[in-house]
Amino acid sequence: MAEIISLKEIRTLLKHIDVTAAMKEGFIQYSNGLTVVPPVGELLFEDPPGDVHIKYGYVKNDPYYVIKIASGFYENSKLGLPSSNGMMLLFNQQTGKPVAVLLDEGFLTDIRTAAAGALVAKYFAPKKLKAIGIIGTGIQARLQLQYLQEHTPCKTVWVWGRSPENILRFKDELKNDFTIHSADTPAEVALNCNLIVTTTPSEAPLLFAKDIQVGTHITAVGSDTSDKQELEAALLGKADLVIADSIPQSGSRGEVFQAVKAGAIQTGNVIELGTALQDKALQRSNDQQITIADLTGVAVQDIMITKAVYDQLKK
C-alpha cells in the first residue's frame, strides 16, 4: 500500500534537503535528454477563474516516476482559502505500483519554484545588487525573496501589488528580516532594483522595456499558461540573455511564447536553463547585461523534489 505523507511531515523533511541543488541536477538532466517529460496537462476554469496543471515524467534508469496535480484558484482568498492546492504521486518505475502520496497542498510546487528562482539568480543576477524587486504579494512572492537569500543576501526590497492590504500584509510578515519599500507601480520597482522577480497571474504586461535599467535581471515565474504575461514582449527583445527552463514548453506558454508570437524574439535565441548551467559562456558575464529567465515550471522539478522528500523519509 502506498505511504501517505502529510504536509506537516513534508515540512519537517524539507529542512534536511538542499532543494536548490536538487533543482540544478534536475534541469541539467532534462536539458541533457535524460528525462521523459510529456507536455503539460491542463484544465482552465472561467467561473471562478482558475487553472489545474498535471505535470508528470521520469528520469531514465531511475527507481520512480511522478505525477503532480497542482491548482491555482485566484479568488479563494474571498473564501478564506489559499489559492494553491495539489498533491504529488510517486510510483515504482519498474512495476507501476504506487509508492507514496504526498499530500503537500501545493506546497512542494511553491518550494520548487522558489528554489528554481534562487538557482537562476545565482548564475544570472548581477553581483552588485541595489535592491530586490518583487512583483506580487502572494505565497510565491514571499518564498522567492526568502530563497534568494541563499546566494543573493540583499535585504533591501521594493514590492508592488494590486492590493494595498496585501502589500501591508507582505511587509508585516517580512519586516524583521528585510527593509521593504512599497512601490506605486511596477515601473517604480524597476527604477530602484536590478534584480526583479515577477510572481503574478497577470494576463497583461506589468514590466515594460522602457522601464528596465541596464544590468537588470528578471525572473518571471507567474506566466505558466498561454494566456498569462507579465513582461512586455519588447522587453525580451531588449535582453542580452533570455533563458527558459524548457524550450519545448515555451512553445505554448510563458514569456518566451508571448515574445515569439509578437515577433520580438526568435526561439533560436533562447537558451535552455540546464544547458546554460553547464556552460559559463552562456551565463551572465558582466553587470551591464539585461538577463531574463522565463520559468514556466517543468515536471523534472516535481520529480526531483518528490524523490528527495521520499528518500529523506526513508532515511
C-alpha atoms as a PDB file:
ATOM      1  CA  MET A   1       0.000   0.000   0.000  1.00  0.00           C
ATOM      2  CA  ALA A   2       1.281   3.475  -0.838  1.00  0.00           C
ATOM      3  CA  GLU A   3       2.572   5.591   2.028  1.00  0.00           C
ATOM      4  CA  ILE A   4       0.606   8.754   2.783  1.00  0.00           C
ATOM      5  CA  ILE A   5       2.872  11.683   3.659  1.00  0.00           C
ATOM      6  CA  SER A   6       1.193  14.680   5.251  1.00  0.00           C
ATOM      7  CA  LEU A   7       2.039  18.319   4.737  1.00  0.00           C
ATOM      8  CA  LYS A   8       3.328  18.508   8.320  1.00  0.00           C
ATOM      9  CA  GLU A   9       5.749  15.636   7.642  1.00  0.00           C
ATOM     10  CA  ILE A  10       6.805  17.187   4.327  1.00  0.00           C
ATOM     11  CA  ARG A  11       7.662  20.496   6.003  1.00  0.00           C
ATOM     12  CA  THR A  12       9.851  18.683   8.532  1.00  0.00           C
ATOM     13  CA  LEU A  13      11.626  16.580   5.893  1.00  0.00           C
ATOM     14  CA  LEU A  14      12.374  19.627   3.718  1.00  0.00           C
ATOM     15  CA  LYS A  15      14.506  21.128   6.481  1.00  0.00           C
ATOM     16  CA  HIS A  16      17.114  18.474   5.671  1.00  0.00           C
ATOM     17  CA  ILE A  17      17.028  18.814   1.858  1.00  0.00           C
ATOM     18  CA  ASP A  18      19.024  21.154  -0.407  1.00  0.00           C
ATOM     19  CA  VAL A  19      16.164  21.854  -2.820  1.00  0.00           C
ATOM     20  CA  THR A  20      18.169  24.312  -4.933  1.00  0.00           C
ATOM     21  CA  ALA A  21      20.839  21.669  -5.576  1.00  0.00           C
ATOM     22  CA  ALA A  22      18.126  19.170  -6.497  1.00  0.00           C
ATOM     23  CA  MET A  23      16.673  21.657  -8.992  1.00  0.00           C
ATOM     24  CA  LYS A  24      20.077  22.196 -10.598  1.00  0.00           C
ATOM     25  CA  GLU A  25      20.576  18.454 -11.041  1.00  0.00           C
ATOM     26  CA  GLY A  26      17.086  18.076 -12.496  1.00  0.00           C
ATOM     27  CA  PHE A  27      17.429  20.901 -15.026  1.00  0.00           C
ATOM     28  CA  ILE A  28      20.760  19.507 -16.232  1.00  0.00           C
ATOM     29  CA  GLN A  29      19.316  16.021 -16.659  1.00  0.00           C
ATOM     30  CA  TYR A  30      16.360  17.498 -18.524  1.00  0.00           C
ATOM     31  CA  SER A  31      18.489  19.515 -20.972  1.00  0.00           C
ATOM     32  CA  ASN A  32      20.816  16.538 -21.483  1.00  0.00           C
ATOM     33  CA  GLY A  33      17.929  14.361 -22.657  1.00  0.00           C
ATOM     34  CA  LEU A  34      17.961  12.056 -19.643  1.00  0.00           C
ATOM     35  CA  THR A  35      14.301  12.568 -18.747  1.00  0.00           C
ATOM     36  CA  VAL A  36      10.922  11.793 -20.255  1.00  0.00           C
ATOM     37  CA  VAL A  37       8.603  14.780 -19.716  1.00  0.00           C
ATOM     38  CA  PRO A  38       5.405  14.885 -21.828  1.00  0.00           C
ATOM     39  CA  PRO A  39       3.512  18.126 -22.492  1.00  0.00           C
ATOM     40  CA  VAL A  40       1.633  19.649 -19.565  1.00  0.00           C
ATOM     41  CA  GLY A  41      -1.926  18.508 -18.935  1.00  0.00           C
ATOM     42  CA  GLU A  42      -4.122  21.494 -18.210  1.00  0.00           C
ATOM     43  CA  LEU A  43      -7.622  22.436 -17.084  1.00  0.00           C
ATOM     44  CA  LEU A  44      -8.643  26.092 -17.316  1.00  0.00           C
ATOM     45  CA  PHE A  45     -11.695  27.438 -15.489  1.00  0.00           C
ATOM     46  CA  GLU A  46     -13.586  30.686 -16.031  1.00  0.00           C
ATOM     47  CA  ASP A  47     -16.100  30.996 -13.200  1.00  0.00           C
ATOM     48  CA  PRO A  48     -14.406  31.289 -10.820  1.00  0.00           C
ATOM     49  CA  PRO A  49     -11.074  31.752 -12.662  1.00  0.00           C
ATOM     50  CA  GLY A  50      -8.536  29.037 -12.013  1.00  0.00           C
ATOM     51  CA  ASP A  51      -6.227  26.507 -13.563  1.00  0.00           C
ATOM     52  CA  VAL A  52      -5.068  22.971 -12.825  1.00  0.00           C
ATOM     53  CA  HIS A  53      -1.762  21.636 -14.154  1.00  0.00           C
ATOM     54  CA  ILE A  54      -0.902  17.951 -14.398  1.00  0.00           C
ATOM     55  CA  LYS A  55       2.840  17.527 -14.820  1.00  0.00           C
ATOM     56  CA  TYR A  56       4.454  14.125 -14.982  1.00  0.00           C
ATOM     57  CA  GLY A  57       7.507  12.212 -16.130  1.00  0.00           C
ATOM     58  CA  TYR A  58      10.596  10.333 -15.064  1.00  0.00           C
ATOM     59  CA  VAL A  59      14.361  10.316 -15.095  1.00  0.00           C
ATOM     60  CA  LYS A  60      15.697   7.452 -17.190  1.00  0.00           C
ATOM     61  CA  ASN A  61      17.030   4.474 -15.207  1.00  0.00           C
ATOM     62  CA  ASP A  62      15.552   5.908 -12.003  1.00  0.00           C
ATOM     63  CA  PRO A  63      13.500   3.946  -9.439  1.00  0.00           C
ATOM     64  CA  TYR A  64      10.391   6.137  -9.732  1.00  0.00           C
ATOM     65  CA  TYR A  65       8.074   8.164 -11.887  1.00  0.00           C
ATOM     66  CA  VAL A  66       5.989  11.095 -10.646  1.00  0.00           C
ATOM     67  CA  ILE A  67       2.597  12.616 -11.427  1.00  0.00           C
ATOM     68  CA  LYS A  68       1.887  16.051  -9.945  1.00  0.00           C
ATOM     69  CA  ILE A  69      -1.504  17.758  -9.760  1.00  0.00           C
ATOM     70  CA  ALA A  70      -1.423  21.444  -8.811  1.00  0.00           C
ATOM     71  CA  SER A  71      -4.196  24.016  -8.870  1.00  0.00           C
ATOM     72  CA  GLY A  72      -4.490  27.780  -8.620  1.00  0.00           C
ATOM     73  CA  PHE A  73      -7.878  29.381  -7.937  1.00  0.00           C
ATOM     74  CA  TYR A  74      -7.255  33.082  -7.558  1.00  0.00           C
ATOM     75  CA  GLU A  75     -10.485  34.116  -5.863  1.00  0.00           C
ATOM     76  CA  ASN A  76     -10.031  31.654  -2.998  1.00  0.00           C
ATOM     77  CA  SER A  77      -8.955  34.481  -0.709  1.00  0.00           C
ATOM     78  CA  LYS A  78     -12.596  35.628  -0.643  1.00  0.00           C
ATOM     79  CA  LEU A  79     -13.404  32.247   0.912  1.00  0.00           C
ATOM     80  CA  GLY A  80     -10.519  32.359   3.353  1.00  0.00           C
ATOM     81  CA  LEU A  81      -8.698  29.645   1.399  1.00  0.00           C
ATOM     82  CA  PRO A  82      -5.183  29.557  -0.122  1.00  0.00           C
ATOM     83  CA  SER A  83      -5.080  29.938  -3.893  1.00  0.00           C
ATOM     84  CA  SER A  84      -2.867  26.857  -4.392  1.00  0.00           C
ATOM     85  CA  ASN A  85      -3.524  23.175  -3.757  1.00  0.00           C
ATOM     86  CA  GLY A  86      -2.495  19.772  -5.063  1.00  0.00           C
ATOM     87  CA  MET A  87      -0.536  16.593  -4.447  1.00  0.00           C
ATOM     88  CA  MET A  88       2.434  14.565  -5.702  1.00  0.00           C
ATOM     89  CA  LEU A  89       2.091  10.874  -6.626  1.00  0.00           C
ATOM     90  CA  LEU A  90       5.185   8.633  -6.598  1.00  0.00           C
ATOM     91  CA  PHE A  91       5.201   5.291  -8.464  1.00  0.00           C
ATOM     92  CA  ASN A  92       7.660   2.452  -8.989  1.00  0.00           C
ATOM     93  CA  GLN A  93       9.133   2.839 -12.483  1.00  0.00           C
ATOM     94  CA  GLN A  94       9.588  -0.901 -12.930  1.00  0.00           C
ATOM     95  CA  THR A  95       6.124  -2.088 -11.884  1.00  0.00           C
ATOM     96  CA  GLY A  96       3.809   0.946 -11.831  1.00  0.00           C
ATOM     97  CA  LYS A  97       2.986   0.219  -8.189  1.00  0.00           C
ATOM     98  CA  PRO A  98       2.071   3.340  -6.153  1.00  0.00           C
ATOM     99  CA  VAL A  99       4.843   4.090  -3.661  1.00  0.00           C
ATOM    100  CA  ALA A 100       3.725   7.286  -1.929  1.00  0.00           C
ATOM    101  CA  VAL A 101       1.089  10.012  -1.977  1.00  0.00           C
ATOM    102  CA  LEU A 102       2.455  13.372  -0.849  1.00  0.00           C
ATOM    103  CA  LEU A 103      -0.451  15.498   0.381  1.00  0.00           C
ATOM    104  CA  ASP A 104       1.501  18.719   0.032  1.00  0.00           C
ATOM    105  CA  GLU A 105      -1.492  21.002  -0.778  1.00  0.00           C
ATOM    106  CA  GLY A 106       0.585  22.729  -3.447  1.00  0.00           C
ATOM    107  CA  PHE A 107       3.433  23.481  -1.025  1.00  0.00           C
ATOM    108  CA  LEU A 108       6.074  21.476  -2.897  1.00  0.00           C
ATOM    109  CA  THR A 109       5.200  23.266  -6.144  1.00  0.00           C
ATOM    110  CA  ASP A 110       5.690  26.579  -4.353  1.00  0.00           C
ATOM    111  CA  ILE A 111       9.022  25.458  -2.873  1.00  0.00           C
ATOM    112  CA  ARG A 112      10.495  24.014  -6.056  1.00  0.00           C
ATOM    113  CA  THR A 113       9.505  27.193  -7.934  1.00  0.00           C
ATOM    114  CA  ALA A 114      11.184  29.403  -5.337  1.00  0.00           C
ATOM    115  CA  ALA A 115      14.293  27.217  -5.361  1.00  0.00           C
ATOM    116  CA  ALA A 116      14.476  27.499  -9.160  1.00  0.00           C
ATOM    117  CA  GLY A 117      14.323  31.282  -8.781  1.00  0.00           C
ATOM    118  CA  ALA A 118      17.226  31.183  -6.336  1.00  0.00           C
ATOM    119  CA  LEU A 119      19.197  28.941  -8.697  1.00  0.00           C
ATOM    120  CA  VAL A 120      18.658  31.304 -11.627  1.00  0.00           C
ATOM    121  CA  ALA A 121      19.709  34.330  -9.575  1.00  0.00           C
ATOM    122  CA  LYS A 122      22.957  32.607  -8.619  1.00  0.00           C
ATOM    123  CA  TYR A 123      24.035  32.376 -12.267  1.00  0.00           C
ATOM    124  CA  PHE A 124      22.296  35.338 -13.919  1.00  0.00           C
ATOM    125  CA  ALA A 125      21.729  38.113 -11.374  1.00  0.00           C
ATOM    126  CA  PRO A 126      24.287  40.943 -11.208  1.00  0.00           C
ATOM    127  CA  LYS A 127      26.883  40.540  -8.490  1.00  0.00           C
ATOM    128  CA  LYS A 128      26.242  44.025  -7.067  1.00  0.00           C
ATOM    129  CA  LEU A 129      22.599  44.359  -6.115  1.00  0.00           C
ATOM    130  CA  LYS A 130      20.954  47.698  -5.409  1.00  0.00           C
ATOM    131  CA  ALA A 131      17.718  46.108  -4.269  1.00  0.00           C
ATOM    132  CA  ILE A 132      15.442  43.148  -4.961  1.00  0.00           C
ATOM    133  CA  GLY A 133      12.122  43.901  -6.630  1.00  0.00           C
ATOM    134  CA  ILE A 134       9.088  41.690  -6.106  1.00  0.00           C
ATOM    135  CA  ILE A 135       6.029  41.987  -8.329  1.00  0.00           C
ATOM    136  CA  GLY A 136       3.171  40.364  -6.445  1.00  0.00           C
ATOM    137  CA  THR A 137       2.397  39.805  -2.778  1.00  0.00           C
ATOM    138  CA  GLY A 138       1.309  36.173  -2.516  1.00  0.00           C
ATOM    139  CA  ILE A 139       2.948  32.997  -1.224  1.00  0.00           C
ATOM    140  CA  GLN A 140       5.344  32.753  -4.163  1.00  0.00           C
ATOM    141  CA  ALA A 141       6.413  36.385  -3.765  1.00  0.00           C
ATOM    142  CA  ARG A 142       7.409  35.736  -0.174  1.00  0.00           C
ATOM    143  CA  LEU A 143       9.126  32.417  -0.898  1.00  0.00           C
ATOM    144  CA  GLN A 144      11.123  33.826  -3.822  1.00  0.00           C
ATOM    145  CA  LEU A 145      12.503  36.552  -1.575  1.00  0.00           C
ATOM    146  CA  GLN A 146      13.367  34.116   1.198  1.00  0.00           C
ATOM    147  CA  TYR A 147      15.034  31.559  -1.086  1.00  0.00           C
ATOM    148  CA  LEU A 148      17.049  34.268  -2.837  1.00  0.00           C
ATOM    149  CA  GLN A 149      18.904  34.865   0.415  1.00  0.00           C
ATOM    150  CA  GLU A 150      20.892  31.655  -0.044  1.00  0.00           C
ATOM    151  CA  HIS A 151      23.004  33.151  -2.842  1.00  0.00           C
ATOM    152  CA  THR A 152      21.909  36.803  -3.082  1.00  0.00           C
ATOM    153  CA  PRO A 153      21.635  38.082   0.505  1.00  0.00           C
ATOM    154  CA  CYS A 154      20.253  41.524  -0.251  1.00  0.00           C
ATOM    155  CA  LYS A 155      17.927  42.938   2.416  1.00  0.00           C
ATOM    156  CA  THR A 156      16.588  45.993   0.567  1.00  0.00           C
ATOM    157  CA  VAL A 157      13.314  45.199  -1.175  1.00  0.00           C
ATOM    158  CA  TRP A 158      10.745  47.033  -3.287  1.00  0.00           C
ATOM    159  CA  VAL A 159       7.335  45.396  -3.665  1.00  0.00           C
ATOM    160  CA  TRP A 160       4.327  46.137  -5.870  1.00  0.00           C
ATOM    161  CA  GLY A 161       0.908  44.516  -5.731  1.00  0.00           C
ATOM    162  CA  ARG A 162      -2.623  45.311  -6.839  1.00  0.00           C
ATOM    163  CA  SER A 163      -3.987  45.335  -3.272  1.00  0.00           C
ATOM    164  CA  PRO A 164      -2.702  47.861  -0.686  1.00  0.00           C
ATOM    165  CA  GLU A 165      -3.911  45.498   2.042  1.00  0.00           C
ATOM    166  CA  ASN A 166      -1.828  42.642   0.652  1.00  0.00           C
ATOM    167  CA  ILE A 167       1.236  44.890   0.392  1.00  0.00           C
ATOM    168  CA  LEU A 168       0.857  45.805   4.063  1.00  0.00           C
ATOM    169  CA  ARG A 169       0.500  42.130   4.990  1.00  0.00           C
ATOM    170  CA  PHE A 170       3.596  41.240   2.936  1.00  0.00           C
ATOM    171  CA  LYS A 171       5.626  43.974   4.653  1.00  0.00           C
ATOM    172  CA  ASP A 172       4.400  42.988   8.096  1.00  0.00           C
ATOM    173  CA  GLU A 173       5.278  39.310   7.612  1.00  0.00           C
ATOM    174  CA  LEU A 174       8.837  40.067   6.446  1.00  0.00           C
ATOM    175  CA  LYS A 175       9.683  43.289   8.302  1.00  0.00           C
ATOM    176  CA  ASN A 176      12.016  41.567  10.781  1.00  0.00           C
ATOM    177  CA  ASP A 177      14.293  40.284   8.006  1.00  0.00           C
ATOM    178  CA  PHE A 178      14.093  42.929   5.273  1.00  0.00           C
ATOM    179  CA  THR A 179      13.798  46.649   4.661  1.00  0.00           C
ATOM    180  CA  ILE A 180      10.735  46.764   2.435  1.00  0.00           C
ATOM    181  CA  HIS A 181       9.541  49.735   0.369  1.00  0.00           C
ATOM    182  CA  SER A 182       6.125  49.933  -1.299  1.00  0.00           C
ATOM    183  CA  ALA A 183       6.008  50.884  -4.975  1.00  0.00           C
ATOM    184  CA  ASP A 184       3.044  52.622  -6.563  1.00  0.00           C
ATOM    185  CA  THR A 185       3.742  50.975  -9.931  1.00  0.00           C
ATOM    186  CA  PRO A 186       5.846  48.125 -11.346  1.00  0.00           C
ATOM    187  CA  ALA A 187       7.890  50.829 -13.107  1.00  0.00           C
ATOM    188  CA  GLU A 188       8.893  52.204  -9.708  1.00  0.00           C
ATOM    189  CA  VAL A 189      10.162  48.747  -8.770  1.00  0.00           C
ATOM    190  CA  ALA A 190      12.245  48.693 -11.961  1.00  0.00           C
ATOM    191  CA  LEU A 191      13.629  52.164 -11.204  1.00  0.00           C
ATOM    192  CA  ASN A 192      15.017  51.055  -7.845  1.00  0.00           C
ATOM    193  CA  CYS A 193      16.012  47.411  -8.400  1.00  0.00           C
ATOM    194  CA  ASN A 194      18.395  45.430 -10.588  1.00  0.00           C
ATOM    195  CA  LEU A 195      17.026  42.002  -9.589  1.00  0.00           C
ATOM    196  CA  ILE A 196      13.269  41.617 -10.111  1.00  0.00           C
ATOM    197  CA  VAL A 197      11.022  38.583  -9.647  1.00  0.00           C
ATOM    198  CA  THR A 198       7.501  38.599 -11.090  1.00  0.00           C
ATOM    199  CA  THR A 199       5.016  36.256  -9.393  1.00  0.00           C
ATOM    200  CA  THR A 200       1.513  37.208 -10.570  1.00  0.00           C
ATOM    201  CA  PRO A 201      -1.139  35.521 -12.756  1.00  0.00           C
ATOM    202  CA  SER A 202      -1.414  38.675 -14.868  1.00  0.00           C
ATOM    203  CA  GLU A 203      -2.688  38.409 -18.431  1.00  0.00           C
ATOM    204  CA  ALA A 204      -1.308  41.833 -19.410  1.00  0.00           C
ATOM    205  CA  PRO A 205       2.312  43.061 -19.180  1.00  0.00           C
ATOM    206  CA  LEU A 206       3.379  44.703 -15.922  1.00  0.00           C
ATOM    207  CA  LEU A 207       7.025  45.476 -16.781  1.00  0.00           C
ATOM    208  CA  PHE A 208       7.972  47.316 -19.977  1.00  0.00           C
ATOM    209  CA  ALA A 209      11.217  47.609 -21.917  1.00  0.00           C
ATOM    210  CA  LYS A 210      11.452  51.378 -21.398  1.00  0.00           C
ATOM    211  CA  ASP A 211      11.429  50.975 -17.599  1.00  0.00           C
ATOM    212  CA  ILE A 212      14.233  48.417 -17.239  1.00  0.00           C
ATOM    213  CA  GLN A 213      17.709  49.630 -16.287  1.00  0.00           C
ATOM    214  CA  VAL A 214      20.905  48.345 -17.848  1.00  0.00           C
ATOM    215  CA  GLY A 215      22.240  45.421 -15.822  1.00  0.00           C
ATOM    216  CA  THR A 216      18.879  44.202 -14.533  1.00  0.00           C
ATOM    217  CA  HIS A 217      17.986  40.543 -14.153  1.00  0.00           C
ATOM    218  CA  ILE A 218      14.328  39.472 -14.215  1.00  0.00           C
ATOM    219  CA  THR A 219      13.000  36.076 -13.169  1.00  0.00           C
ATOM    220  CA  ALA A 220       9.420  35.608 -14.381  1.00  0.00           C
ATOM    221  CA  VAL A 221       7.507  32.783 -12.698  1.00  0.00           C
ATOM    222  CA  GLY A 222       3.853  33.805 -12.992  1.00  0.00           C
ATOM    223  CA  SER A 223       3.186  33.166 -16.677  1.00  0.00           C
ATOM    224  CA  ASP A 224       2.576  29.418 -16.821  1.00  0.00           C
ATOM    225  CA  THR A 225      -0.333  29.266 -19.304  1.00  0.00           C
ATOM    226  CA  SER A 226      -0.843  30.514 -22.854  1.00  0.00           C
ATOM    227  CA  ASP A 227      -2.908  33.473 -21.607  1.00  0.00           C
ATOM    228  CA  LYS A 228      -0.654  34.854 -18.876  1.00  0.00           C
ATOM    229  CA  GLN A 229       2.002  37.507 -19.478  1.00  0.00           C
ATOM    230  CA  GLU A 230       3.940  39.699 -17.026  1.00  0.00           C
ATOM    231  CA  LEU A 231       6.620  41.122 -19.345  1.00  0.00           C
ATOM    232  CA  GLU A 232       6.188  43.218 -22.467  1.00  0.00           C
ATOM    233  CA  ALA A 233       7.363  41.222 -25.490  1.00  0.00           C
ATOM    234  CA  ALA A 234       9.770  44.033 -26.430  1.00  0.00           C
ATOM    235  CA  LEU A 235      11.490  43.584 -23.067  1.00  0.00           C
ATOM    236  CA  LEU A 236      12.666  40.116 -24.074  1.00  0.00           C
ATOM    237  CA  GLY A 237      13.854  41.602 -27.360  1.00  0.00           C
ATOM    238  CA  LYS A 238      15.898  44.124 -25.381  1.00  0.00           C
ATOM    239  CA  ALA A 239      17.573  41.468 -23.220  1.00  0.00           C
ATOM    240  CA  ASP A 240      21.138  40.263 -23.766  1.00  0.00           C
ATOM    241  CA  LEU A 241      20.278  36.773 -22.480  1.00  0.00           C
ATOM    242  CA  VAL A 242      16.903  35.022 -22.452  1.00  0.00           C
ATOM    243  CA  ILE A 243      16.756  31.756 -20.513  1.00  0.00           C
ATOM    244  CA  ALA A 244      13.846  29.287 -20.494  1.00  0.00           C
ATOM    245  CA  ASP A 245      13.518  26.360 -18.118  1.00  0.00           C
ATOM    246  CA  SER A 246      12.088  24.352 -21.034  1.00  0.00           C
ATOM    247  CA  ILE A 247      12.365  25.405 -24.661  1.00  0.00           C
ATOM    248  CA  PRO A 248       9.718  22.886 -25.824  1.00  0.00           C
ATOM    249  CA  GLN A 249       7.316  24.078 -23.131  1.00  0.00           C
ATOM    250  CA  SER A 250       7.934  27.734 -24.021  1.00  0.00           C
ATOM    251  CA  GLY A 251       6.356  26.999 -27.388  1.00  0.00           C
ATOM    252  CA  SER A 252       2.927  27.069 -25.768  1.00  0.00           C
ATOM    253  CA  ARG A 253       3.162  29.167 -22.590  1.00  0.00           C
ATOM    254  CA  GLY A 254       5.160  31.780 -20.738  1.00  0.00           C
ATOM    255  CA  GLU A 255       7.020  34.962 -21.583  1.00  0.00           C
ATOM    256  CA  VAL A 256       9.059  33.398 -24.389  1.00  0.00           C
ATOM    257  CA  PHE A 257       5.842  32.150 -26.022  1.00  0.00           C
ATOM    258  CA  GLN A 258       4.352  35.649 -25.908  1.00  0.00           C
ATOM    259  CA  ALA A 259       7.514  37.314 -27.235  1.00  0.00           C
ATOM    260  CA  VAL A 260       7.935  34.851 -30.111  1.00  0.00           C
ATOM    261  CA  LYS A 261       4.262  35.242 -31.007  1.00  0.00           C
ATOM    262  CA  ALA A 262       4.734  39.027 -31.080  1.00  0.00           C
ATOM    263  CA  GLY A 263       7.846  38.736 -33.260  1.00  0.00           C
ATOM    264  CA  ALA A 264      10.088  40.314 -30.599  1.00  0.00           C
ATOM    265  CA  ILE A 265      12.466  37.328 -30.426  1.00  0.00           C
ATOM    266  CA  GLN A 266      13.097  34.006 -32.143  1.00  0.00           C
ATOM    267  CA  THR A 267      13.142  30.665 -30.344  1.00  0.00           C
ATOM    268  CA  GLY A 268      16.662  30.085 -31.617  1.00  0.00           C
ATOM    269  CA  ASN A 269      17.885  32.983 -29.479  1.00  0.00           C
ATOM    270  CA  VAL A 270      16.624  31.367 -26.255  1.00  0.00           C
ATOM    271  CA  ILE A 271      18.949  29.278 -24.083  1.00  0.00           C
ATOM    272  CA  GLU A 272      17.629  26.386 -22.025  1.00  0.00           C
ATOM    273  CA  LEU A 273      18.474  26.654 -18.334  1.00  0.00           C
ATOM    274  CA  GLY A 274      20.020  23.199 -17.932  1.00  0.00           C
ATOM    275  CA  THR A 275      22.337  23.889 -20.876  1.00  0.00           C
ATOM    276  CA  ALA A 276      23.385  27.287 -19.500  1.00  0.00           C
ATOM    277  CA  LEU A 277      24.128  25.806 -16.071  1.00  0.00           C
ATOM    278  CA  GLN A 278      26.816  23.639 -17.683  1.00  0.00           C
ATOM    279  CA  ASP A 279      28.498  26.365 -19.758  1.00  0.00           C
ATOM    280  CA  LYS A 280      29.841  29.530 -18.139  1.00  0.00           C
ATOM    281  CA  ALA A 281      29.887  31.237 -21.542  1.00  0.00           C
ATOM    282  CA  LEU A 282      26.070  31.075 -21.542  1.00  0.00           C
ATOM    283  CA  GLN A 283      25.743  32.757 -18.141  1.00  0.00           C
ATOM    284  CA  ARG A 284      25.901  36.423 -17.153  1.00  0.00           C
ATOM    285  CA  SER A 285      29.379  37.768 -17.922  1.00  0.00           C
ATOM    286  CA  ASN A 286      29.113  41.373 -16.659  1.00  0.00           C
ATOM    287  CA  ASP A 287      26.865  43.690 -14.669  1.00  0.00           C
ATOM    288  CA  GLN A 288      25.752  45.639 -17.756  1.00  0.00           C
ATOM    289  CA  GLN A 289      23.743  42.809 -19.294  1.00  0.00           C
ATOM    290  CA  ILE A 290      19.968  42.595 -19.133  1.00  0.00           C
ATOM    291  CA  THR A 291      19.005  38.980 -18.461  1.00  0.00           C
ATOM    292  CA  ILE A 292      15.591  37.324 -18.286  1.00  0.00           C
ATOM    293  CA  ALA A 293      14.678  33.852 -17.051  1.00  0.00           C
ATOM    294  CA  ASP A 294      11.264  32.527 -18.036  1.00  0.00           C
ATOM    295  CA  LEU A 295      10.278  29.791 -15.560  1.00  0.00           C
ATOM    296  CA  THR A 296       7.056  28.077 -16.606  1.00  0.00           C
ATOM    297  CA  GLY A 297       7.684  25.115 -14.296  1.00  0.00           C
ATOM    298  CA  VAL A 298       8.904  21.742 -15.581  1.00  0.00           C
ATOM    299  CA  ALA A 299       7.877  18.292 -14.389  1.00  0.00           C
ATOM    300  CA  VAL A 300      11.508  17.407 -13.685  1.00  0.00           C
ATOM    301  CA  GLN A 301      11.341  19.851 -10.755  1.00  0.00           C
ATOM    302  CA  ASP A 302       8.407  17.906  -9.320  1.00  0.00           C
ATOM    303  CA  ILE A 303      10.225  14.636  -9.889  1.00  0.00           C
ATOM    304  CA  MET A 304      13.333  15.839  -8.075  1.00  0.00           C
ATOM    305  CA  ILE A 305      11.592  17.332  -5.046  1.00  0.00           C
ATOM    306  CA  THR A 306       9.219  14.368  -4.649  1.00  0.00           C
ATOM    307  CA  LYS A 307      12.110  11.905  -4.771  1.00  0.00           C
ATOM    308  CA  ALA A 308      14.117  13.992  -2.329  1.00  0.00           C
ATOM    309  CA  VAL A 309      11.286  14.095   0.210  1.00  0.00           C
ATOM    310  CA  TYR A 310      10.620  10.374  -0.065  1.00  0.00           C
ATOM    311  CA  ASP A 311      14.323   9.477   0.169  1.00  0.00           C
ATOM    312  CA  GLN A 312      14.654  11.685   3.254  1.00  0.00           C
ATOM    313  CA  LEU A 313      11.668   9.922   4.805  1.00  0.00           C
ATOM    314  CA  LYS A 314      13.328   6.551   4.212  1.00  0.00           C
ATOM    315  CA  LYS A 315      16.495   7.777   5.952  1.00  0.00           C
END
